[in-house]
C-alpha atoms as a PDB file:
ATOM      1  CA  MET A   1     119.225   2.520-141.140  1.00  0.00           C
ATOM      2  CA  ASP A   2     120.025   3.236-144.771  1.00  0.00           C
ATOM      3  CA  GLN A   3     119.607   0.771-147.636  1.00  0.00           C
ATOM      4  CA  ARG A   4     123.340   0.002-147.784  1.00  0.00           C
ATOM      5  CA  SER A   5     123.472  -1.383-144.274  1.00  0.00           C
ATOM      6  CA  ASN A   6     119.999  -2.913-144.227  1.00  0.00           C
ATOM      7  CA  PRO A   7     120.090  -6.384-145.736  1.00  0.00           C
ATOM      8  CA  GLN A   8     116.306  -6.573-145.400  1.00  0.00           C
ATOM      9  CA  GLY A   9     115.608  -3.556-147.603  1.00  0.00           C
ATOM     10  CA  PRO A  10     115.847  -4.023-151.363  1.00  0.00           C
ATOM     11  CA  MET A  11     117.959  -1.477-153.101  1.00  0.00           C
ATOM     12  CA  ASN A  12     116.540   0.394-156.052  1.00  0.00           C
ATOM     13  CA  LYS A  13     119.755   1.726-157.474  1.00  0.00           C
ATOM     14  CA  ARG A  14     120.474   3.183-160.862  1.00  0.00           C
ATOM     15  CA  PRO A  15     123.634   1.753-162.443  1.00  0.00           C
ATOM     16  CA  ASN A  16     125.676   4.934-161.809  1.00  0.00           C
ATOM     17  CA  THR A  17     124.716   4.945-158.124  1.00  0.00           C
ATOM     18  CA  PHE A  18     125.518   1.249-157.910  1.00  0.00           C
ATOM     19  CA  ASN A  19     128.930   1.815-159.512  1.00  0.00           C
ATOM     20  CA  THR A  20     129.664   4.586-157.011  1.00  0.00           C
ATOM     21  CA  LEU A  21     128.701   2.294-154.121  1.00  0.00           C
ATOM     22  CA  ILE A  22     130.912  -0.593-155.225  1.00  0.00           C
ATOM     23  CA  GLY A  23     133.790   1.666-156.293  1.00  0.00           C
ATOM     24  CA  GLY A  24     135.012   2.618-152.838  1.00  0.00           C
ATOM     25  CA  ASP A  25     137.734   1.129-150.657  1.00  0.00           C
ATOM     26  CA  THR A  26     135.189  -0.623-148.410  1.00  0.00           C
ATOM     27  CA  PRO A  27     134.296  -4.142-149.573  1.00  0.00           C
ATOM     28  CA  VAL A  28     130.686  -4.475-150.744  1.00  0.00           C
ATOM     29  CA  LEU A  29     128.861  -7.797-150.667  1.00  0.00           C
ATOM     30  CA  VAL A  30     125.909  -7.651-153.054  1.00  0.00           C
ATOM     31  CA  ASP A  31     123.080 -10.155-152.751  1.00  0.00           C
ATOM     32  CA  PHE A  32     121.202 -10.290-156.051  1.00  0.00           C
ATOM     33  CA  PHE A  33     117.785 -11.628-155.069  1.00  0.00           C
ATOM     34  CA  ALA A  34     114.106 -11.791-156.012  1.00  0.00           C
ATOM     35  CA  GLU A  35     111.062 -11.416-153.762  1.00  0.00           C
ATOM     36  CA  TRP A  36     109.580 -14.702-155.027  1.00  0.00           C
ATOM     37  CA  CYS A  37     112.772 -16.707-154.332  1.00  0.00           C
ATOM     38  CA  GLY A  38     112.611 -19.045-151.305  1.00  0.00           C
ATOM     39  CA  PRO A  39     116.389 -19.473-150.910  1.00  0.00           C
ATOM     40  CA  CYS A  40     116.758 -15.684-151.144  1.00  0.00           C
ATOM     41  CA  LYS A  41     114.420 -15.308-148.167  1.00  0.00           C
ATOM     42  CA  ALA A  42     116.562 -17.797-146.238  1.00  0.00           C
ATOM     43  CA  MET A  43     119.591 -15.537-146.832  1.00  0.00           C
ATOM     44  CA  ALA A  44     118.019 -12.516-145.063  1.00  0.00           C
ATOM     45  CA  PRO A  45     118.890 -13.524-141.459  1.00  0.00           C
ATOM     46  CA  ILE A  46     122.304 -14.793-142.579  1.00  0.00           C
ATOM     47  CA  LEU A  47     123.113 -11.435-144.161  1.00  0.00           C
ATOM     48  CA  GLN A  48     121.878  -9.602-141.055  1.00  0.00           C
ATOM     49  CA  ASP A  49     124.197 -11.716-138.915  1.00  0.00           C
ATOM     50  CA  LEU A  50     127.090 -11.097-141.313  1.00  0.00           C
ATOM     51  CA  LYS A  51     126.465  -7.342-141.185  1.00  0.00           C
ATOM     52  CA  ARG A  52     126.525  -7.438-137.382  1.00  0.00           C
ATOM     53  CA  GLN A  53     129.880  -9.215-137.495  1.00  0.00           C
ATOM     54  CA  VAL A  54     131.579  -6.986-140.081  1.00  0.00           C
ATOM     55  CA  GLY A  55     130.098  -3.695-138.863  1.00  0.00           C
ATOM     56  CA  ASP A  56     131.401  -0.701-140.817  1.00  0.00           C
ATOM     57  CA  ARG A  57     134.303  -2.659-142.296  1.00  0.00           C
ATOM     58  CA  ALA A  58     132.057  -3.808-145.173  1.00  0.00           C
ATOM     59  CA  VAL A  59     128.753  -2.950-146.802  1.00  0.00           C
ATOM     60  CA  VAL A  60     126.081  -5.594-147.301  1.00  0.00           C
ATOM     61  CA  VAL A  61     123.415  -4.721-149.833  1.00  0.00           C
ATOM     62  CA  LYS A  62     120.550  -6.510-151.543  1.00  0.00           C
ATOM     63  CA  VAL A  63     119.646  -5.801-155.168  1.00  0.00           C
ATOM     64  CA  ASP A  64     116.250  -6.976-156.410  1.00  0.00           C
ATOM     65  CA  VAL A  65     116.889  -8.366-159.902  1.00  0.00           C
ATOM     66  CA  ASP A  66     113.279  -7.751-160.962  1.00  0.00           C
ATOM     67  CA  ARG A  67     113.468  -4.056-160.028  1.00  0.00           C
ATOM     68  CA  ASN A  68     117.061  -3.601-161.220  1.00  0.00           C
ATOM     69  CA  PRO A  69     117.381  -5.709-164.381  1.00  0.00           C
ATOM     70  CA  THR A  70     120.092  -3.489-165.879  1.00  0.00           C
ATOM     71  CA  VAL A  71     122.426  -4.032-162.934  1.00  0.00           C
ATOM     72  CA  ALA A  72     121.633  -7.761-162.873  1.00  0.00           C
ATOM     73  CA  ARG A  73     122.397  -8.064-166.598  1.00  0.00           C
ATOM     74  CA  ALA A  74     125.602  -6.064-166.252  1.00  0.00           C
ATOM     75  CA  TYR A  75     126.919  -8.639-163.772  1.00  0.00           C
ATOM     76  CA  ARG A  76     125.463 -11.614-165.677  1.00  0.00           C
ATOM     77  CA  VAL A  77     123.189 -12.712-162.858  1.00  0.00           C
ATOM     78  CA  GLN A  78     121.332 -15.738-164.215  1.00  0.00           C
ATOM     79  CA  GLY A  79     120.010 -17.230-160.989  1.00  0.00           C
ATOM     80  CA  VAL A  80     119.172 -16.062-157.502  1.00  0.00           C
ATOM     81  CA  PRO A  81     120.499 -15.767-154.950  1.00  0.00           C
ATOM     82  CA  THR A  82     123.800 -14.706-156.467  1.00  0.00           C
ATOM     83  CA  LEU A  83     126.349 -13.067-154.189  1.00  0.00           C
ATOM     84  CA  VAL A  84     129.164 -10.886-155.522  1.00  0.00           C
ATOM     85  CA  LEU A  85     131.906  -9.325-153.409  1.00  0.00           C
ATOM     86  CA  PHE A  86     133.296  -6.082-154.817  1.00  0.00           C
ATOM     87  CA  LYS A  87     136.442  -4.231-153.817  1.00  0.00           C
ATOM     88  CA  LYS A  88     137.341  -0.939-155.523  1.00  0.00           C
ATOM     89  CA  GLY A  89     134.715  -1.597-158.177  1.00  0.00           C
ATOM     90  CA  ASN A  90     136.015  -5.021-159.127  1.00  0.00           C
ATOM     91  CA  PRO A  91     134.297  -8.325-158.408  1.00  0.00           C
ATOM     92  CA  VAL A  92     136.728 -10.355-156.287  1.00  0.00           C
ATOM     93  CA  TRP A  93     134.405 -13.285-155.530  1.00  0.00           C
ATOM     94  CA  ARG A  94     131.106 -14.648-156.803  1.00  0.00           C
ATOM     95  CA  GLY A  95     128.860 -17.448-155.567  1.00  0.00           C
ATOM     96  CA  SER A  96     125.321 -18.740-155.869  1.00  0.00           C
ATOM     97  CA  GLY A  97     122.904 -20.346-153.450  1.00  0.00           C
ATOM     98  CA  VAL A  98     122.410 -20.201-149.717  1.00  0.00           C
ATOM     99  CA  MET A  99     125.619 -19.867-147.685  1.00  0.00           C
ATOM    100  CA  SER A 100     126.210 -19.758-143.949  1.00  0.00           C
ATOM    101  CA  THR A 101     127.506 -16.741-142.062  1.00  0.00           C
ATOM    102  CA  ALA A 102     130.751 -18.623-141.381  1.00  0.00           C
ATOM    103  CA  GLN A 103     131.244 -19.339-145.084  1.00  0.00           C
ATOM    104  CA  LEU A 104     130.639 -15.693-145.973  1.00  0.00           C
ATOM    105  CA  MET A 105     132.990 -14.486-143.226  1.00  0.00           C
ATOM    106  CA  SER A 106     135.763 -16.723-144.553  1.00  0.00           C
ATOM    107  CA  ILE A 107     135.285 -15.175-148.002  1.00  0.00           C
ATOM    108  CA  ILE A 108     134.877 -11.534-146.990  1.00  0.00           C
ATOM    109  CA  GLY A 109     137.347 -11.596-144.061  1.00  0.00           C
ATOM    110  CA  PRO A 110     140.568 -11.316-146.102  1.00  0.00           C
ATOM    111  CA  HIS A 111     139.163  -8.250-147.893  1.00  0.00           C
ATOM    112  CA  LEU A 112     138.256  -6.279-144.757  1.00  0.00           C
ATOM    113  CA  ASN A 113     140.273  -3.168-143.958  1.00  0.00           C
END
């Protein structure tokens, strides 16, 4: 499983690679997290469940803010977990804190192809 579809694996992406990932037609839900963050750890099984439900219709990716500070700064991530939904390179939704799979599905659902 590659990093894009593996919500467990942190993504070490350079900004240009990140921009390419979020720039496509497929919605991308980005979980900005940190290894030391308890609520971020609670999101891992929720994101796995979400990925199972959306399949290839969306990409779910985790970005470690400590390993990718440039990307985190670019999107003004000030706390973790912060979730941002991108479509065609544009953020279409942003939220912070632990959310349920049902909440995330209601947010991402309208953006699925």
